[in-house]
Amino acid sequence: MTIANNKSSLTREDRIRGALWGGFIGDAYCLGSHWIYGLTELAQRFPGGVQGFETPASGHYHAGKKAGDFTHYGDAALVMLASVAQLGHFETVDFGSRLMRLMTGENYAGYRDHATQGMIENYLAHLDANPAQPFDFQQGADDDQPATVTHLAPVVVAHLDDQDLLDTVAMATRVCQNNPRAIAYAQAAALILYHIIKGAAPEEAVAETRQIISAQDKYRSEVNKRMKIACAARILPVLEATVLFGQSCPLYSSFTAALHTTLVCKDDFERAIRSAANAGGDSAGRAAMIGAWLGAHLGIQAIPLAWRRRLTAHDRIEADVERIVAATV
């Protein structure tokens, strides 16, 4: 359904709430269908298409979780939301310490992706070599997948008016991903969100971001080209474009496909998330990016209340979102 709200009348608070909630919704919607790449298999498992918030089947990467839970992306995003809500800003050691406790805890039953595993290994190696020296949580894995872009919204919101936003985003990225390509994509994703929260339409936000993420180095040049390609491909439907760009996790593919979906479905939050889920592959990573961007563009009213209430962590998210919103007034 198309949301018939007047986007020009949205308040900054509406956009912030939408950005913060949107990423969680995108992730949880795709939990049960995440990382199913074959479209035939996806159709067989979900006759009539992915409807969202399915419980992962036995043998699935996220088996043991239930409808309304998050993938590992959303689990990390929940940690980031709590850290920023309590401190009022992003802080590397606070977030890194919280994330490390979660991901190394005996009770954590979620998936640990390459970025998480590398972060843990580097942390433990530091403790072995330098037991008396504090860890700076800037030694993440050499990884270029969506570990960071899926939990950036609280960072962008808390530092919306800071001149050093891009430096802060780079620091947030290095907690899990000490990789220049990941940093370049994270900075682009953050800038798009920044401009949308400030009131720009998605196309305008991309154009503004391309002016900033210029060809200063090979990674920013790559990101710039991928943004251009996503814009040029708007004549293609989401499924076709996602398969063309690649359904896989690396940001070269996932960021481009997520941006394309955002542009094609810019006036319909529900359609965007549903389209991402039914394109298969790393749908949760893409949907988390899409959810934040379109949540900011369309506002919290565009995200169905029933969807928000389906989240297991609904009450925690609502409390932390409102705490962050109050701090921005």
C-alpha atoms as a PDB file:
ATOM      1  CA  MET A   1       0.000   0.000   0.000  1.00  0.00           C
ATOM      2  CA  THR A   2       1.151   3.543  -0.728  1.00  0.00           C
ATOM      3  CA  ILE A   3       1.333   5.775   2.315  1.00  0.00           C
ATOM      4  CA  ALA A   4      -0.623   8.923   1.582  1.00  0.00           C
ATOM      5  CA  ASN A   5       1.009  11.161   4.126  1.00  0.00           C
ATOM      6  CA  ASN A   6       2.278  14.661   3.461  1.00  0.00           C
ATOM      7  CA  LYS A   7       6.033  14.195   3.705  1.00  0.00           C
ATOM      8  CA  SER A   8       6.598  17.950   3.707  1.00  0.00           C
ATOM      9  CA  SER A   9       4.692  18.163   7.004  1.00  0.00           C
ATOM     10  CA  LEU A  10       6.803  15.545   8.758  1.00  0.00           C
ATOM     11  CA  THR A  11       8.652  16.778  11.793  1.00  0.00           C
ATOM     12  CA  ARG A  12      12.268  15.962  12.462  1.00  0.00           C
ATOM     13  CA  GLU A  13      11.076  13.773  15.316  1.00  0.00           C
ATOM     14  CA  ASP A  14       8.796  11.836  12.920  1.00  0.00           C
ATOM     15  CA  ARG A  15      11.757  11.157  10.657  1.00  0.00           C
ATOM     16  CA  ILE A  16      14.070  10.191  13.510  1.00  0.00           C
ATOM     17  CA  ARG A  17      11.534   7.738  14.912  1.00  0.00           C
ATOM     18  CA  GLY A  18      11.060   6.290  11.447  1.00  0.00           C
ATOM     19  CA  ALA A  19      14.795   5.892  10.900  1.00  0.00           C
ATOM     20  CA  LEU A  20      15.369   4.201  14.259  1.00  0.00           C
ATOM     21  CA  TRP A  21      12.399   1.843  14.025  1.00  0.00           C
ATOM     22  CA  GLY A  22      12.750   1.159  10.305  1.00  0.00           C
ATOM     23  CA  GLY A  23      16.008  -0.754  10.464  1.00  0.00           C
ATOM     24  CA  PHE A  24      14.691  -3.098  13.151  1.00  0.00           C
ATOM     25  CA  ILE A  25      11.509  -3.753  11.190  1.00  0.00           C
ATOM     26  CA  GLY A  26      13.441  -4.581   8.021  1.00  0.00           C
ATOM     27  CA  ASP A  27      15.677  -7.028   9.857  1.00  0.00           C
ATOM     28  CA  ALA A  28      12.941  -8.846  11.780  1.00  0.00           C
ATOM     29  CA  TYR A  29      10.681  -9.046   8.725  1.00  0.00           C
ATOM     30  CA  CYS A  30      13.332 -11.096   6.909  1.00  0.00           C
ATOM     31  CA  LEU A  31      14.425 -13.343   9.793  1.00  0.00           C
ATOM     32  CA  GLY A  32      12.824 -16.575   8.617  1.00  0.00           C
ATOM     33  CA  SER A  33      13.721 -16.148   4.936  1.00  0.00           C
ATOM     34  CA  HIS A  34      17.194 -14.684   5.387  1.00  0.00           C
ATOM     35  CA  TRP A  35      20.048 -16.127   3.293  1.00  0.00           C
ATOM     36  CA  ILE A  36      17.880 -18.239   1.052  1.00  0.00           C
ATOM     37  CA  TYR A  37      19.429 -17.441  -2.322  1.00  0.00           C
ATOM     38  CA  GLY A  38      17.596 -19.730  -4.709  1.00  0.00           C
ATOM     39  CA  LEU A  39      14.370 -18.082  -5.843  1.00  0.00           C
ATOM     40  CA  THR A  40      12.823 -21.462  -6.574  1.00  0.00           C
ATOM     41  CA  GLU A  41      13.620 -22.631  -3.057  1.00  0.00           C
ATOM     42  CA  LEU A  42      12.272 -19.366  -1.643  1.00  0.00           C
ATOM     43  CA  ALA A  43       9.009 -19.856  -3.537  1.00  0.00           C
ATOM     44  CA  GLN A  44       8.725 -23.442  -2.348  1.00  0.00           C
ATOM     45  CA  ARG A  45       9.302 -22.546   1.289  1.00  0.00           C
ATOM     46  CA  PHE A  46       7.015 -19.517   1.171  1.00  0.00           C
ATOM     47  CA  PRO A  47       4.084 -20.185  -1.177  1.00  0.00           C
ATOM     48  CA  GLY A  48       2.538 -16.874  -2.077  1.00  0.00           C
ATOM     49  CA  GLY A  49       5.751 -15.060  -1.160  1.00  0.00           C
ATOM     50  CA  VAL A  50       7.473 -14.066   2.052  1.00  0.00           C
ATOM     51  CA  GLN A  51       4.868 -12.446   4.299  1.00  0.00           C
ATOM     52  CA  GLY A  52       7.347 -11.357   6.965  1.00  0.00           C
ATOM     53  CA  PHE A  53       8.189 -12.215  10.550  1.00  0.00           C
ATOM     54  CA  GLU A  54       8.357 -15.957   9.864  1.00  0.00           C
ATOM     55  CA  THR A  55       9.965 -18.259  12.422  1.00  0.00           C
ATOM     56  CA  PRO A  56      13.193 -19.772  11.032  1.00  0.00           C
ATOM     57  CA  ALA A  57      12.874 -23.435  10.080  1.00  0.00           C
ATOM     58  CA  SER A  58      15.005 -26.183  11.572  1.00  0.00           C
ATOM     59  CA  GLY A  59      18.472 -26.139  10.041  1.00  0.00           C
ATOM     60  CA  HIS A  60      18.218 -22.444   9.135  1.00  0.00           C
ATOM     61  CA  TYR A  61      21.058 -20.057  10.048  1.00  0.00           C
ATOM     62  CA  HIS A  62      18.787 -18.456  12.636  1.00  0.00           C
ATOM     63  CA  ALA A  63      17.085 -21.638  13.833  1.00  0.00           C
ATOM     64  CA  GLY A  64      16.012 -21.355  17.452  1.00  0.00           C
ATOM     65  CA  LYS A  65      14.833 -17.788  17.080  1.00  0.00           C
ATOM     66  CA  LYS A  66      11.157 -16.996  16.838  1.00  0.00           C
ATOM     67  CA  ALA A  67       8.999 -14.595  14.897  1.00  0.00           C
ATOM     68  CA  GLY A  68       9.715 -11.044  16.038  1.00  0.00           C
ATOM     69  CA  ASP A  69      13.351 -11.741  16.926  1.00  0.00           C
ATOM     70  CA  PHE A  70      16.306 -10.287  15.033  1.00  0.00           C
ATOM     71  CA  THR A  71      19.141 -11.657  12.977  1.00  0.00           C
ATOM     72  CA  HIS A  72      22.658 -10.938  14.244  1.00  0.00           C
ATOM     73  CA  TYR A  73      22.410  -7.583  12.444  1.00  0.00           C
ATOM     74  CA  GLY A  74      19.426  -6.566  14.523  1.00  0.00           C
ATOM     75  CA  ASP A  75      20.976  -7.936  17.712  1.00  0.00           C
ATOM     76  CA  ALA A  76      23.956  -5.611  17.216  1.00  0.00           C
ATOM     77  CA  ALA A  77      21.635  -2.735  16.309  1.00  0.00           C
ATOM     78  CA  LEU A  78      19.777  -3.198  19.584  1.00  0.00           C
ATOM     79  CA  VAL A  79      23.090  -2.899  21.434  1.00  0.00           C
ATOM     80  CA  MET A  80      23.939   0.286  19.526  1.00  0.00           C
ATOM     81  CA  LEU A  81      20.505   1.774  20.240  1.00  0.00           C
ATOM     82  CA  ALA A  82      20.863   1.126  23.972  1.00  0.00           C
ATOM     83  CA  SER A  83      24.409   2.514  24.104  1.00  0.00           C
ATOM     84  CA  VAL A  84      23.518   5.742  22.304  1.00  0.00           C
ATOM     85  CA  ALA A  85      20.271   6.170  24.242  1.00  0.00           C
ATOM     86  CA  GLN A  86      22.037   5.891  27.582  1.00  0.00           C
ATOM     87  CA  LEU A  87      25.093   8.016  26.734  1.00  0.00           C
ATOM     88  CA  GLY A  88      23.457  10.500  24.393  1.00  0.00           C
ATOM     89  CA  HIS A  89      26.192   9.929  21.803  1.00  0.00           C
ATOM     90  CA  PHE A  90      28.261   7.184  20.204  1.00  0.00           C
ATOM     91  CA  GLU A  91      31.271   6.013  22.196  1.00  0.00           C
ATOM     92  CA  THR A  92      33.538   3.273  20.866  1.00  0.00           C
ATOM     93  CA  VAL A  93      34.477   1.524  24.110  1.00  0.00           C
ATOM     94  CA  ASP A  94      30.952   1.542  25.511  1.00  0.00           C
ATOM     95  CA  PHE A  95      29.413   0.105  22.357  1.00  0.00           C
ATOM     96  CA  GLY A  96      32.309  -2.282  21.738  1.00  0.00           C
ATOM     97  CA  SER A  97      32.222  -3.596  25.302  1.00  0.00           C
ATOM     98  CA  ARG A  98      28.473  -4.146  25.191  1.00  0.00           C
ATOM     99  CA  LEU A  99      28.679  -5.893  21.831  1.00  0.00           C
ATOM    100  CA  MET A 100      31.548  -8.095  22.966  1.00  0.00           C
ATOM    101  CA  ARG A 101      29.625  -9.152  26.064  1.00  0.00           C
ATOM    102  CA  LEU A 102      26.623 -10.079  23.970  1.00  0.00           C
ATOM    103  CA  MET A 103      28.481 -11.946  21.248  1.00  0.00           C
ATOM    104  CA  THR A 104      30.754 -13.890  23.601  1.00  0.00           C
ATOM    105  CA  GLY A 105      28.091 -14.617  26.196  1.00  0.00           C
ATOM    106  CA  GLU A 106      27.127 -18.208  26.879  1.00  0.00           C
ATOM    107  CA  ASN A 107      23.464 -17.385  26.374  1.00  0.00           C
ATOM    108  CA  TYR A 108      23.855 -15.844  22.914  1.00  0.00           C
ATOM    109  CA  ALA A 109      22.286 -18.265  20.453  1.00  0.00           C
ATOM    110  CA  GLY A 110      22.459 -16.022  17.389  1.00  0.00           C
ATOM    111  CA  TYR A 111      24.661 -16.303  14.339  1.00  0.00           C
ATOM    112  CA  ARG A 112      28.168 -14.843  14.500  1.00  0.00           C
ATOM    113  CA  ASP A 113      29.156 -13.551  11.082  1.00  0.00           C
ATOM    114  CA  HIS A 114      32.678 -12.977   9.743  1.00  0.00           C
ATOM    115  CA  ALA A 115      32.870  -9.460  11.155  1.00  0.00           C
ATOM    116  CA  THR A 116      31.800 -10.598  14.611  1.00  0.00           C
ATOM    117  CA  GLN A 117      34.172 -13.545  14.650  1.00  0.00           C
ATOM    118  CA  GLY A 118      37.071 -11.366  13.512  1.00  0.00           C
ATOM    119  CA  MET A 119      36.296  -8.713  16.102  1.00  0.00           C
ATOM    120  CA  ILE A 120      36.271 -11.332  18.855  1.00  0.00           C
ATOM    121  CA  GLU A 121      39.525 -12.906  17.643  1.00  0.00           C
ATOM    122  CA  ASN A 122      41.299  -9.542  17.524  1.00  0.00           C
ATOM    123  CA  TYR A 123      40.023  -8.644  20.977  1.00  0.00           C
ATOM    124  CA  LEU A 124      41.238 -11.916  22.483  1.00  0.00           C
ATOM    125  CA  ALA A 125      44.595 -11.611  20.716  1.00  0.00           C
ATOM    126  CA  HIS A 126      45.012  -8.148  22.218  1.00  0.00           C
ATOM    127  CA  LEU A 127      44.245  -9.450  25.709  1.00  0.00           C
ATOM    128  CA  ASP A 128      46.828 -12.208  25.300  1.00  0.00           C
ATOM    129  CA  ALA A 129      49.536  -9.855  24.066  1.00  0.00           C
ATOM    130  CA  ASN A 130      48.699  -6.736  26.111  1.00  0.00           C
ATOM    131  CA  PRO A 131      46.688  -7.779  29.181  1.00  0.00           C
ATOM    132  CA  ALA A 132      47.305  -4.474  30.987  1.00  0.00           C
ATOM    133  CA  GLN A 133      46.499  -2.224  28.024  1.00  0.00           C
ATOM    134  CA  PRO A 134      42.884  -1.186  27.421  1.00  0.00           C
ATOM    135  CA  PHE A 135      41.398  -2.222  24.089  1.00  0.00           C
ATOM    136  CA  ASP A 136      40.283   0.683  21.901  1.00  0.00           C
ATOM    137  CA  PHE A 137      37.677  -1.292  19.930  1.00  0.00           C
ATOM    138  CA  GLN A 138      39.045   0.016  16.664  1.00  0.00           C
ATOM    139  CA  GLN A 139      40.493  -3.316  15.544  1.00  0.00           C
ATOM    140  CA  GLY A 140      37.536  -4.938  13.868  1.00  0.00           C
ATOM    141  CA  ALA A 141      37.696  -7.629  11.213  1.00  0.00           C
ATOM    142  CA  ASP A 142      38.911  -7.127   7.659  1.00  0.00           C
ATOM    143  CA  ASP A 143      35.351  -7.436   6.390  1.00  0.00           C
ATOM    144  CA  ASP A 144      33.267  -5.550   3.808  1.00  0.00           C
ATOM    145  CA  GLN A 145      29.759  -6.825   4.534  1.00  0.00           C
ATOM    146  CA  PRO A 146      26.729  -5.150   6.197  1.00  0.00           C
ATOM    147  CA  ALA A 147      27.749  -5.560   9.850  1.00  0.00           C
ATOM    148  CA  THR A 148      27.953  -1.807  10.475  1.00  0.00           C
ATOM    149  CA  VAL A 149      25.580  -0.226   7.948  1.00  0.00           C
ATOM    150  CA  THR A 150      22.721  -2.100   9.611  1.00  0.00           C
ATOM    151  CA  HIS A 151      23.181  -0.391  12.993  1.00  0.00           C
ATOM    152  CA  LEU A 152      24.214   3.146  12.041  1.00  0.00           C
ATOM    153  CA  ALA A 153      20.897   4.965  12.499  1.00  0.00           C
ATOM    154  CA  PRO A 154      21.385   5.817  16.219  1.00  0.00           C
ATOM    155  CA  VAL A 155      24.879   7.130  15.458  1.00  0.00           C
ATOM    156  CA  VAL A 156      23.622   9.393  12.685  1.00  0.00           C
ATOM    157  CA  VAL A 157      20.731  10.689  14.781  1.00  0.00           C
ATOM    158  CA  ALA A 158      22.869  11.419  17.846  1.00  0.00           C
ATOM    159  CA  HIS A 159      25.502  13.233  15.775  1.00  0.00           C
ATOM    160  CA  LEU A 160      23.182  14.807  13.214  1.00  0.00           C
ATOM    161  CA  ASP A 161      24.485  18.330  13.746  1.00  0.00           C
ATOM    162  CA  ASP A 162      28.140  17.463  14.311  1.00  0.00           C
ATOM    163  CA  GLN A 163      30.773  18.580  11.828  1.00  0.00           C
ATOM    164  CA  ASP A 164      32.729  15.373  12.385  1.00  0.00           C
ATOM    165  CA  LEU A 165      29.848  12.991  11.575  1.00  0.00           C
ATOM    166  CA  LEU A 166      31.883  11.097   8.979  1.00  0.00           C
ATOM    167  CA  ASP A 167      34.767  10.616  11.402  1.00  0.00           C
ATOM    168  CA  THR A 168      32.330   9.299  13.991  1.00  0.00           C
ATOM    169  CA  VAL A 169      30.876   6.885  11.434  1.00  0.00           C
ATOM    170  CA  ALA A 170      34.380   5.666  10.607  1.00  0.00           C
ATOM    171  CA  MET A 171      35.026   5.003  14.291  1.00  0.00           C
ATOM    172  CA  ALA A 172      31.707   3.156  14.606  1.00  0.00           C
ATOM    173  CA  THR A 173      32.633   1.039  11.601  1.00  0.00           C
ATOM    174  CA  ARG A 174      36.066   0.071  12.886  1.00  0.00           C
ATOM    175  CA  VAL A 175      34.540  -1.505  16.006  1.00  0.00           C
ATOM    176  CA  CYS A 176      33.476  -4.485  13.895  1.00  0.00           C
ATOM    177  CA  GLN A 177      35.080  -3.770  10.526  1.00  0.00           C
ATOM    178  CA  ASN A 178      38.547  -2.292  10.204  1.00  0.00           C
ATOM    179  CA  ASN A 179      38.229  -2.210   6.441  1.00  0.00           C
ATOM    180  CA  PRO A 180      38.415   0.860   4.156  1.00  0.00           C
ATOM    181  CA  ARG A 181      35.717  -0.355   1.795  1.00  0.00           C
ATOM    182  CA  ALA A 182      33.297  -0.941   4.681  1.00  0.00           C
ATOM    183  CA  ILE A 183      34.063   2.539   6.020  1.00  0.00           C
ATOM    184  CA  ALA A 184      33.387   4.168   2.639  1.00  0.00           C
ATOM    185  CA  TYR A 185      30.026   2.427   2.257  1.00  0.00           C
ATOM    186  CA  ALA A 186      29.072   3.129   5.878  1.00  0.00           C
ATOM    187  CA  GLN A 187      29.831   6.818   5.402  1.00  0.00           C
ATOM    188  CA  ALA A 188      27.709   6.908   2.239  1.00  0.00           C
ATOM    189  CA  ALA A 189      24.820   5.112   3.973  1.00  0.00           C
ATOM    190  CA  ALA A 190      25.067   7.532   6.893  1.00  0.00           C
ATOM    191  CA  LEU A 191      25.107  10.586   4.636  1.00  0.00           C
ATOM    192  CA  ILE A 192      22.042   9.406   2.726  1.00  0.00           C
ATOM    193  CA  LEU A 193      20.232   8.962   6.040  1.00  0.00           C
ATOM    194  CA  TYR A 194      21.493  12.346   7.271  1.00  0.00           C
ATOM    195  CA  HIS A 195      20.100  14.173   4.233  1.00  0.00           C
ATOM    196  CA  ILE A 196      16.776  12.341   4.374  1.00  0.00           C
ATOM    197  CA  ILE A 197      16.304  13.180   8.049  1.00  0.00           C
ATOM    198  CA  LYS A 198      17.063  16.784   7.135  1.00  0.00           C
ATOM    199  CA  GLY A 199      14.165  16.639   4.650  1.00  0.00           C
ATOM    200  CA  ALA A 200      15.681  15.623   1.325  1.00  0.00           C
ATOM    201  CA  ALA A 201      13.926  13.111  -0.906  1.00  0.00           C
ATOM    202  CA  PRO A 202      15.919   9.895  -1.486  1.00  0.00           C
ATOM    203  CA  GLU A 203      17.102  10.995  -4.959  1.00  0.00           C
ATOM    204  CA  GLU A 204      18.243  14.343  -3.557  1.00  0.00           C
ATOM    205  CA  ALA A 205      19.950  12.630  -0.644  1.00  0.00           C
ATOM    206  CA  VAL A 206      21.885  10.402  -3.027  1.00  0.00           C
ATOM    207  CA  ALA A 207      22.899  13.367  -5.190  1.00  0.00           C
ATOM    208  CA  GLU A 208      24.093  15.302  -2.141  1.00  0.00           C
ATOM    209  CA  THR A 209      25.984  12.262  -0.883  1.00  0.00           C
ATOM    210  CA  ARG A 210      27.681  11.732  -4.244  1.00  0.00           C
ATOM    211  CA  GLN A 211      28.961  15.302  -4.066  1.00  0.00           C
ATOM    212  CA  ILE A 212      30.603  14.533  -0.726  1.00  0.00           C
ATOM    213  CA  ILE A 213      31.656  10.932  -1.388  1.00  0.00           C
ATOM    214  CA  SER A 214      33.707  11.923  -4.387  1.00  0.00           C
ATOM    215  CA  ALA A 215      36.578  10.105  -6.061  1.00  0.00           C
ATOM    216  CA  GLN A 216      39.048  10.923  -3.287  1.00  0.00           C
ATOM    217  CA  ASP A 217      40.241   7.314  -3.176  1.00  0.00           C
ATOM    218  CA  LYS A 218      39.385   4.049  -4.883  1.00  0.00           C
ATOM    219  CA  TYR A 219      36.817   3.034  -2.278  1.00  0.00           C
ATOM    220  CA  ARG A 220      34.869   6.275  -2.349  1.00  0.00           C
ATOM    221  CA  SER A 221      35.095   6.209  -6.137  1.00  0.00           C
ATOM    222  CA  GLU A 222      33.602   2.727  -6.094  1.00  0.00           C
ATOM    223  CA  VAL A 223      30.760   3.797  -3.791  1.00  0.00           C
ATOM    224  CA  ASN A 224      30.053   6.812  -5.981  1.00  0.00           C
ATOM    225  CA  LYS A 225      29.772   4.596  -9.058  1.00  0.00           C
ATOM    226  CA  ARG A 226      27.503   2.124  -7.266  1.00  0.00           C
ATOM    227  CA  MET A 227      25.166   4.954  -6.247  1.00  0.00           C
ATOM    228  CA  LYS A 228      25.089   6.139  -9.864  1.00  0.00           C
ATOM    229  CA  ILE A 229      24.321   2.625 -11.083  1.00  0.00           C
ATOM    230  CA  ALA A 230      21.517   2.172  -8.526  1.00  0.00           C
ATOM    231  CA  CYS A 231      19.916   5.402  -9.706  1.00  0.00           C
ATOM    232  CA  ALA A 232      20.259   4.483 -13.386  1.00  0.00           C
ATOM    233  CA  ALA A 233      18.633   1.079 -12.810  1.00  0.00           C
ATOM    234  CA  ARG A 234      15.347   2.478 -11.489  1.00  0.00           C
ATOM    235  CA  ILE A 235      13.603   1.263 -14.652  1.00  0.00           C
ATOM    236  CA  LEU A 236      14.165  -2.311 -13.433  1.00  0.00           C
ATOM    237  CA  PRO A 237      11.908  -4.049 -10.897  1.00  0.00           C
ATOM    238  CA  VAL A 238      13.419  -4.850  -7.516  1.00  0.00           C
ATOM    239  CA  LEU A 239      13.797  -8.584  -8.038  1.00  0.00           C
ATOM    240  CA  GLU A 240      15.518  -8.254 -11.400  1.00  0.00           C
ATOM    241  CA  ALA A 241      17.859  -5.516 -10.190  1.00  0.00           C
ATOM    242  CA  THR A 242      18.769  -7.331  -6.983  1.00  0.00           C
ATOM    243  CA  VAL A 243      19.698 -10.470  -8.903  1.00  0.00           C
ATOM    244  CA  LEU A 244      21.682  -8.315 -11.336  1.00  0.00           C
ATOM    245  CA  PHE A 245      23.574  -6.457  -8.599  1.00  0.00           C
ATOM    246  CA  GLY A 246      23.983  -9.594  -6.507  1.00  0.00           C
ATOM    247  CA  GLN A 247      21.967 -11.020  -3.633  1.00  0.00           C
ATOM    248  CA  SER A 248      25.092 -11.591  -1.525  1.00  0.00           C
ATOM    249  CA  CYS A 249      26.386  -9.816   1.573  1.00  0.00           C
ATOM    250  CA  PRO A 250      29.395  -7.784   0.290  1.00  0.00           C
ATOM    251  CA  LEU A 251      28.462  -4.111   0.258  1.00  0.00           C
ATOM    252  CA  TYR A 252      29.377  -3.810  -3.414  1.00  0.00           C
ATOM    253  CA  SER A 253      26.193  -5.801  -4.021  1.00  0.00           C
ATOM    254  CA  SER A 254      23.989  -5.337  -0.966  1.00  0.00           C
ATOM    255  CA  PHE A 255      24.314  -1.552  -0.647  1.00  0.00           C
ATOM    256  CA  THR A 256      23.592  -1.082  -4.357  1.00  0.00           C
ATOM    257  CA  ALA A 257      20.547  -3.351  -4.295  1.00  0.00           C
ATOM    258  CA  ALA A 258      19.238  -1.739  -1.096  1.00  0.00           C
ATOM    259  CA  LEU A 259      19.590   1.736  -2.560  1.00  0.00           C
ATOM    260  CA  HIS A 260      17.840   0.684  -5.761  1.00  0.00           C
ATOM    261  CA  THR A 261      14.909  -0.754  -3.785  1.00  0.00           C
ATOM    262  CA  THR A 262      14.693   2.444  -1.748  1.00  0.00           C
ATOM    263  CA  LEU A 263      14.470   4.565  -4.882  1.00  0.00           C
ATOM    264  CA  VAL A 264      11.978   2.320  -6.670  1.00  0.00           C
ATOM    265  CA  CYS A 265       9.709   1.971  -3.613  1.00  0.00           C
ATOM    266  CA  LYS A 266      10.324   5.412  -2.148  1.00  0.00           C
ATOM    267  CA  ASP A 267       6.666   6.105  -1.328  1.00  0.00           C
ATOM    268  CA  ASP A 268       5.757   2.708   0.073  1.00  0.00           C
ATOM    269  CA  PHE A 269       7.590   1.364   3.127  1.00  0.00           C
ATOM    270  CA  GLU A 270       5.722  -1.937   3.201  1.00  0.00           C
ATOM    271  CA  ARG A 271       6.301  -2.661  -0.480  1.00  0.00           C
ATOM    272  CA  ALA A 272      10.007  -1.907  -0.126  1.00  0.00           C
ATOM    273  CA  ILE A 273      10.559  -4.307   2.767  1.00  0.00           C
ATOM    274  CA  ARG A 274       8.420  -7.019   1.199  1.00  0.00           C
ATOM    275  CA  SER A 275      10.264  -6.647  -2.121  1.00  0.00           C
ATOM    276  CA  ALA A 276      13.636  -6.958  -0.427  1.00  0.00           C
ATOM    277  CA  ALA A 277      12.548 -10.104   1.411  1.00  0.00           C
ATOM    278  CA  ASN A 278      11.266 -11.741  -1.751  1.00  0.00           C
ATOM    279  CA  ALA A 279      14.465 -11.026  -3.678  1.00  0.00           C
ATOM    280  CA  GLY A 280      16.303 -13.554  -1.488  1.00  0.00           C
ATOM    281  CA  GLY A 281      19.907 -13.690  -0.359  1.00  0.00           C
ATOM    282  CA  ASP A 282      21.057 -11.246   2.301  1.00  0.00           C
ATOM    283  CA  SER A 283      17.587  -9.781   2.528  1.00  0.00           C
ATOM    284  CA  ALA A 284      17.866  -8.806   6.200  1.00  0.00           C
ATOM    285  CA  GLY A 285      20.972  -6.715   5.557  1.00  0.00           C
ATOM    286  CA  ARG A 286      19.341  -4.912   2.645  1.00  0.00           C
ATOM    287  CA  ALA A 287      16.008  -4.473   4.445  1.00  0.00           C
ATOM    288  CA  ALA A 288      17.702  -2.939   7.488  1.00  0.00           C
ATOM    289  CA  MET A 289      19.286  -0.272   5.266  1.00  0.00           C
ATOM    290  CA  ILE A 290      16.058   0.280   3.342  1.00  0.00           C
ATOM    291  CA  GLY A 291      14.032   0.438   6.548  1.00  0.00           C
ATOM    292  CA  ALA A 292      16.164   3.192   8.033  1.00  0.00           C
ATOM    293  CA  TRP A 293      16.214   5.278   4.836  1.00  0.00           C
ATOM    294  CA  LEU A 294      12.500   4.979   4.076  1.00  0.00           C
ATOM    295  CA  GLY A 295      11.551   5.213   7.732  1.00  0.00           C
ATOM    296  CA  ALA A 296      13.244   8.608   7.753  1.00  0.00           C
ATOM    297  CA  HIS A 297      11.745   9.605   4.397  1.00  0.00           C
ATOM    298  CA  LEU A 298       8.141   8.608   5.154  1.00  0.00           C
ATOM    299  CA  GLY A 299       8.150   9.008   8.923  1.00  0.00           C
ATOM    300  CA  ILE A 300       7.095   6.713  11.723  1.00  0.00           C
ATOM    301  CA  GLN A 301       3.462   6.786  10.526  1.00  0.00           C
ATOM    302  CA  ALA A 302       4.462   4.813   7.416  1.00  0.00           C
ATOM    303  CA  ILE A 303       5.642   1.853   9.484  1.00  0.00           C
ATOM    304  CA  PRO A 304       2.621  -0.264  10.438  1.00  0.00           C
ATOM    305  CA  LEU A 305       1.996  -0.223  14.154  1.00  0.00           C
ATOM    306  CA  ALA A 306       1.174  -3.933  13.954  1.00  0.00           C
ATOM    307  CA  TRP A 307       4.663  -4.578  12.562  1.00  0.00           C
ATOM    308  CA  ARG A 308       6.302  -2.633  15.365  1.00  0.00           C
ATOM    309  CA  ARG A 309       4.303  -4.513  17.966  1.00  0.00           C
ATOM    310  CA  ARG A 310       5.471  -7.825  16.528  1.00  0.00           C
ATOM    311  CA  LEU A 311       9.049  -7.150  17.586  1.00  0.00           C
ATOM    312  CA  THR A 312      10.113  -9.154  20.629  1.00  0.00           C
ATOM    313  CA  ALA A 313      12.154  -6.176  21.824  1.00  0.00           C
ATOM    314  CA  HIS A 314       9.333  -3.688  21.160  1.00  0.00           C
ATOM    315  CA  ASP A 315       9.255  -2.202  24.660  1.00  0.00           C
ATOM    316  CA  ARG A 316      13.051  -1.805  24.859  1.00  0.00           C
ATOM    317  CA  ILE A 317      13.175  -0.178  21.447  1.00  0.00           C
ATOM    318  CA  GLU A 318      10.314   2.183  22.182  1.00  0.00           C
ATOM    319  CA  ALA A 319      11.908   3.364  25.426  1.00  0.00           C
ATOM    320  CA  ASP A 320      15.341   3.914  23.853  1.00  0.00           C
ATOM    321  CA  VAL A 321      13.939   5.567  20.724  1.00  0.00           C
ATOM    322  CA  GLU A 322      11.967   8.044  22.805  1.00  0.00           C
ATOM    323  CA  ARG A 323      15.006   8.742  24.958  1.00  0.00           C
ATOM    324  CA  ILE A 324      17.034   9.547  21.836  1.00  0.00           C
ATOM    325  CA  VAL A 325      14.224  11.649  20.368  1.00  0.00           C
ATOM    326  CA  ALA A 326      13.933  13.640  23.608  1.00  0.00           C
ATOM    327  CA  ALA A 327      17.659  14.366  23.471  1.00  0.00           C
ATOM    328  CA  THR A 328      17.337  15.835  19.969  1.00  0.00           C
ATOM    329  CA  VAL A 329      14.685  18.419  20.915  1.00  0.00           C
END
